[in-house]
N, C-alpha and C. Protein backbone atom coordinates (compact mmCIF):
# COMPACT_ATOMS: atom_id res chain seq x y z
N MET A 1 -50.34 134.43 46.94
CA MET A 1 -50.22 135.85 46.76
C MET A 1 -49.61 136.50 48.00
N LEU A 2 -50.07 136.08 49.18
CA LEU A 2 -49.53 136.63 50.42
C LEU A 2 -48.05 136.30 50.56
N TRP A 3 -47.66 135.08 50.18
CA TRP A 3 -46.26 134.68 50.25
C TRP A 3 -45.40 135.57 49.35
N MET A 4 -45.87 135.88 48.16
CA MET A 4 -45.13 136.72 47.24
C MET A 4 -44.94 138.12 47.83
N ILE A 5 -45.99 138.66 48.41
CA ILE A 5 -45.90 140.00 49.01
C ILE A 5 -44.91 139.98 50.17
N ALA A 6 -44.99 138.96 51.00
CA ALA A 6 -44.08 138.86 52.14
C ALA A 6 -42.64 138.65 51.70
N ALA A 7 -42.45 137.93 50.62
CA ALA A 7 -41.09 137.62 50.18
C ALA A 7 -40.39 138.82 49.57
N TRP A 8 -41.12 139.71 48.93
CA TRP A 8 -40.47 140.81 48.20
C TRP A 8 -40.66 142.17 48.83
N THR A 9 -41.32 142.28 49.98
CA THR A 9 -41.49 143.59 50.60
C THR A 9 -40.21 144.10 51.24
N PHE A 10 -39.23 143.25 51.42
CA PHE A 10 -37.98 143.71 52.02
C PHE A 10 -37.07 144.42 51.02
N VAL A 11 -37.32 144.31 49.74
CA VAL A 11 -36.40 144.81 48.71
C VAL A 11 -36.22 146.32 48.79
N SER A 12 -37.30 147.07 48.79
CA SER A 12 -37.18 148.53 48.81
C SER A 12 -36.54 149.06 50.09
N PRO A 13 -36.95 148.61 51.28
CA PRO A 13 -36.26 149.09 52.48
C PRO A 13 -34.79 148.68 52.52
N GLN A 14 -34.49 147.48 52.05
CA GLN A 14 -33.10 147.03 52.02
C GLN A 14 -32.27 147.91 51.09
N ASN A 15 -32.79 148.20 49.91
CA ASN A 15 -32.08 149.06 48.97
C ASN A 15 -31.90 150.46 49.54
N PHE A 16 -32.93 150.99 50.19
CA PHE A 16 -32.82 152.31 50.81
C PHE A 16 -31.74 152.32 51.88
N ASN A 17 -31.71 151.28 52.72
CA ASN A 17 -30.68 151.21 53.76
C ASN A 17 -29.29 151.14 53.17
N LEU A 18 -29.12 150.38 52.11
CA LEU A 18 -27.80 150.28 51.49
C LEU A 18 -27.36 151.60 50.87
N VAL A 19 -28.28 152.27 50.19
CA VAL A 19 -27.93 153.56 49.57
C VAL A 19 -27.62 154.60 50.64
N SER A 20 -28.37 154.59 51.74
CA SER A 20 -28.11 155.58 52.78
C SER A 20 -26.85 155.25 53.58
N LEU A 21 -26.43 154.00 53.57
CA LEU A 21 -25.21 153.62 54.30
C LEU A 21 -23.99 154.25 53.66
N VAL A 22 -23.83 154.08 52.36
CA VAL A 22 -22.71 154.66 51.63
C VAL A 22 -23.22 155.16 50.28
N PRO A 23 -23.65 156.41 50.21
CA PRO A 23 -24.23 156.92 48.96
C PRO A 23 -23.26 156.92 47.78
N ASN A 24 -21.97 157.09 48.04
CA ASN A 24 -21.00 157.16 46.95
C ASN A 24 -20.81 155.83 46.24
N ALA A 25 -21.09 154.74 46.90
CA ALA A 25 -20.90 153.41 46.31
C ALA A 25 -22.22 152.67 46.22
N SER A 26 -23.31 153.40 46.01
CA SER A 26 -24.62 152.76 46.01
C SER A 26 -24.78 151.75 44.88
N GLY A 27 -24.20 152.03 43.72
CA GLY A 27 -24.31 151.08 42.61
C GLY A 27 -23.67 149.74 42.92
N ILE A 28 -22.49 149.79 43.53
CA ILE A 28 -21.79 148.55 43.90
C ILE A 28 -22.59 147.79 44.95
N LEU A 29 -23.06 148.51 45.96
CA LEU A 29 -23.80 147.84 47.03
C LEU A 29 -25.11 147.24 46.53
N LEU A 30 -25.81 147.96 45.68
CA LEU A 30 -27.08 147.44 45.17
C LEU A 30 -26.87 146.23 44.27
N SER A 31 -25.82 146.24 43.47
CA SER A 31 -25.57 145.08 42.61
C SER A 31 -25.13 143.87 43.43
N LEU A 32 -24.31 144.09 44.45
CA LEU A 32 -23.93 142.98 45.32
C LEU A 32 -25.14 142.43 46.08
N ASN A 33 -25.99 143.33 46.56
CA ASN A 33 -27.20 142.90 47.26
C ASN A 33 -28.08 142.06 46.34
N ASN A 34 -28.28 142.52 45.12
CA ASN A 34 -29.11 141.77 44.18
C ASN A 34 -28.49 140.40 43.88
N SER A 35 -27.18 140.36 43.74
CA SER A 35 -26.51 139.08 43.47
C SER A 35 -26.72 138.10 44.63
N PHE A 36 -26.60 138.59 45.85
CA PHE A 36 -26.76 137.70 46.99
C PHE A 36 -28.22 137.29 47.21
N VAL A 37 -29.15 138.16 46.86
CA VAL A 37 -30.56 137.77 46.93
C VAL A 37 -30.83 136.64 45.94
N GLN A 38 -30.31 136.77 44.74
CA GLN A 38 -30.50 135.72 43.73
C GLN A 38 -29.79 134.43 44.15
N LEU A 39 -28.61 134.55 44.73
CA LEU A 39 -27.88 133.38 45.22
C LEU A 39 -28.66 132.69 46.34
N GLY A 40 -29.24 133.48 47.24
CA GLY A 40 -30.05 132.90 48.32
C GLY A 40 -31.29 132.21 47.80
N THR A 41 -31.90 132.80 46.79
CA THR A 41 -33.09 132.18 46.19
C THR A 41 -32.75 130.84 45.57
N SER A 42 -31.65 130.80 44.84
CA SER A 42 -31.26 129.54 44.20
C SER A 42 -30.80 128.52 45.23
N ALA A 43 -30.12 128.97 46.28
CA ALA A 43 -29.69 128.04 47.33
C ALA A 43 -30.91 127.46 48.05
N GLY A 44 -31.91 128.29 48.29
CA GLY A 44 -33.14 127.79 48.93
C GLY A 44 -33.85 126.76 48.08
N ALA A 45 -33.90 127.01 46.78
CA ALA A 45 -34.51 126.03 45.88
C ALA A 45 -33.70 124.73 45.86
N GLY A 46 -32.39 124.86 45.89
CA GLY A 46 -31.53 123.68 45.91
C GLY A 46 -31.71 122.87 47.19
N MET A 47 -31.76 123.56 48.32
CA MET A 47 -31.96 122.86 49.59
C MET A 47 -33.33 122.19 49.63
N GLY A 48 -34.34 122.85 49.07
CA GLY A 48 -35.66 122.23 49.01
C GLY A 48 -35.65 120.99 48.14
N GLY A 49 -34.92 121.03 47.04
CA GLY A 49 -34.81 119.86 46.17
C GLY A 49 -34.09 118.71 46.86
N VAL A 50 -33.04 119.03 47.60
CA VAL A 50 -32.31 117.99 48.34
C VAL A 50 -33.21 117.40 49.42
N ALA A 51 -33.95 118.26 50.11
CA ALA A 51 -34.82 117.77 51.18
C ALA A 51 -35.90 116.85 50.64
N VAL A 52 -36.51 117.22 49.53
CA VAL A 52 -37.58 116.40 48.95
C VAL A 52 -37.00 115.15 48.31
N GLY A 53 -35.85 115.28 47.63
CA GLY A 53 -35.27 114.14 46.93
C GLY A 53 -34.68 113.09 47.86
N GLY A 54 -34.05 113.53 48.95
CA GLY A 54 -33.39 112.59 49.84
C GLY A 54 -34.21 112.19 51.04
N MET A 55 -35.21 112.98 51.36
CA MET A 55 -36.02 112.73 52.55
C MET A 55 -37.49 112.86 52.15
N SER A 56 -38.31 113.10 53.13
CA SER A 56 -39.74 113.27 52.83
C SER A 56 -40.05 114.75 52.60
N VAL A 57 -41.25 115.00 52.15
CA VAL A 57 -41.70 116.38 51.95
C VAL A 57 -41.74 117.13 53.28
N MET A 58 -41.95 116.42 54.36
CA MET A 58 -41.98 117.05 55.69
C MET A 58 -40.62 117.62 56.08
N ALA A 59 -39.55 117.17 55.44
CA ALA A 59 -38.22 117.69 55.76
C ALA A 59 -38.08 119.15 55.36
N ILE A 60 -38.90 119.62 54.43
CA ILE A 60 -38.84 121.02 54.02
C ILE A 60 -39.12 121.92 55.22
N THR A 61 -40.00 121.50 56.10
CA THR A 61 -40.31 122.29 57.29
C THR A 61 -39.07 122.49 58.15
N TRP A 62 -38.30 121.43 58.33
CA TRP A 62 -37.10 121.52 59.15
C TRP A 62 -36.02 122.36 58.46
N PHE A 63 -35.88 122.20 57.16
CA PHE A 63 -34.93 123.03 56.43
C PHE A 63 -35.34 124.51 56.50
N GLY A 64 -36.63 124.76 56.39
CA GLY A 64 -37.12 126.14 56.48
C GLY A 64 -36.89 126.73 57.86
N ALA A 65 -37.14 125.94 58.89
CA ALA A 65 -36.93 126.43 60.26
C ALA A 65 -35.46 126.70 60.52
N ALA A 66 -34.59 125.80 60.07
CA ALA A 66 -33.16 126.01 60.24
C ALA A 66 -32.69 127.24 59.48
N SER A 67 -33.22 127.44 58.30
CA SER A 67 -32.87 128.62 57.51
C SER A 67 -33.33 129.90 58.19
N ALA A 68 -34.51 129.87 58.79
CA ALA A 68 -35.03 131.05 59.49
C ALA A 68 -34.18 131.39 60.71
N VAL A 69 -33.75 130.37 61.45
CA VAL A 69 -32.88 130.60 62.60
C VAL A 69 -31.55 131.18 62.14
N PHE A 70 -30.99 130.62 61.08
CA PHE A 70 -29.73 131.13 60.54
C PHE A 70 -29.89 132.57 60.07
N ALA A 71 -31.00 132.87 59.40
CA ALA A 71 -31.25 134.24 58.92
C ALA A 71 -31.39 135.21 60.08
N ALA A 72 -32.03 134.79 61.16
CA ALA A 72 -32.17 135.66 62.33
C ALA A 72 -30.80 135.94 62.95
N PHE A 73 -29.94 134.94 63.00
CA PHE A 73 -28.58 135.13 63.51
C PHE A 73 -27.81 136.10 62.63
N VAL A 74 -27.88 135.92 61.32
CA VAL A 74 -27.17 136.81 60.39
C VAL A 74 -27.71 138.23 60.51
N ALA A 75 -29.02 138.38 60.66
CA ALA A 75 -29.62 139.71 60.81
C ALA A 75 -29.14 140.38 62.10
N ALA A 76 -29.07 139.63 63.18
CA ALA A 76 -28.59 140.20 64.44
C ALA A 76 -27.15 140.66 64.32
N VAL A 77 -26.31 139.86 63.70
CA VAL A 77 -24.92 140.24 63.49
C VAL A 77 -24.84 141.45 62.57
N SER A 78 -25.67 141.46 61.54
CA SER A 78 -25.67 142.57 60.59
C SER A 78 -26.07 143.88 61.25
N PHE A 79 -27.13 143.85 62.06
CA PHE A 79 -27.57 145.08 62.72
C PHE A 79 -26.50 145.58 63.69
N THR A 80 -25.83 144.67 64.37
CA THR A 80 -24.74 145.06 65.25
C THR A 80 -23.61 145.68 64.45
N SER A 81 -23.28 145.09 63.31
CA SER A 81 -22.21 145.61 62.47
C SER A 81 -22.56 146.98 61.90
N VAL A 82 -23.82 147.17 61.49
CA VAL A 82 -24.23 148.46 60.94
C VAL A 82 -24.12 149.55 62.00
N THR A 83 -24.48 149.23 63.23
CA THR A 83 -24.34 150.20 64.31
C THR A 83 -22.87 150.56 64.49
N TYR A 84 -21.99 149.58 64.45
CA TYR A 84 -20.56 149.82 64.58
C TYR A 84 -20.04 150.66 63.42
N VAL A 85 -20.49 150.33 62.22
CA VAL A 85 -20.04 151.04 61.03
C VAL A 85 -20.49 152.49 61.07
N LYS A 86 -21.73 152.73 61.43
CA LYS A 86 -22.24 154.10 61.50
C LYS A 86 -21.51 154.90 62.58
N ARG A 87 -21.14 154.23 63.65
CA ARG A 87 -20.46 154.92 64.74
C ARG A 87 -19.02 155.24 64.38
N THR A 88 -18.35 154.34 63.67
CA THR A 88 -16.92 154.52 63.41
C THR A 88 -16.60 154.93 61.98
N GLY A 89 -17.51 154.73 61.04
CA GLY A 89 -17.21 155.05 59.64
C GLY A 89 -16.28 154.04 58.99
N ALA A 90 -16.20 152.83 59.54
CA ALA A 90 -15.26 151.83 59.04
C ALA A 90 -15.57 151.40 57.62
N PHE A 91 -16.84 151.32 57.27
CA PHE A 91 -17.20 150.86 55.94
C PHE A 91 -16.79 151.86 54.88
N SER A 92 -16.95 153.16 55.17
CA SER A 92 -16.54 154.19 54.22
C SER A 92 -15.04 154.12 53.98
N LEU A 93 -14.29 153.89 55.03
CA LEU A 93 -12.84 153.78 54.89
C LEU A 93 -12.47 152.58 54.05
N ALA A 94 -13.14 151.45 54.26
CA ALA A 94 -12.86 150.25 53.47
C ALA A 94 -13.18 150.49 52.00
N LEU A 95 -14.29 151.16 51.72
CA LEU A 95 -14.64 151.45 50.32
C LEU A 95 -13.65 152.40 49.68
N LYS A 96 -13.15 153.36 50.44
CA LYS A 96 -12.14 154.28 49.89
C LYS A 96 -10.88 153.52 49.52
N LEU A 97 -10.52 152.54 50.32
CA LEU A 97 -9.33 151.74 50.02
C LEU A 97 -9.54 150.88 48.78
N ILE A 98 -10.76 150.35 48.61
CA ILE A 98 -11.05 149.50 47.46
C ILE A 98 -11.18 150.32 46.19
N LEU A 99 -11.89 151.43 46.27
CA LEU A 99 -12.14 152.25 45.09
C LEU A 99 -10.99 153.18 44.89
């Protein structure tokens, strides 16, 4: 139960951040976010299957740790990028070009 709460408590704040980042394209951003969350969930299940199938059950710990380090790196880059985007408005310009 605790794992479920921890796994899904990021959804509402993440959606709020995306909507506040570019309100005009919130539908596109929310659908892309949902797609990548589902892709990450399936990739995690796939990596767990590979770890258990090709190695021991203890390998899941190492895959989980590597995934957490990778996620922390991506989050750090993301927060830096969001600061840059908010300062320069680069994301809004890119969306205007796309839409």
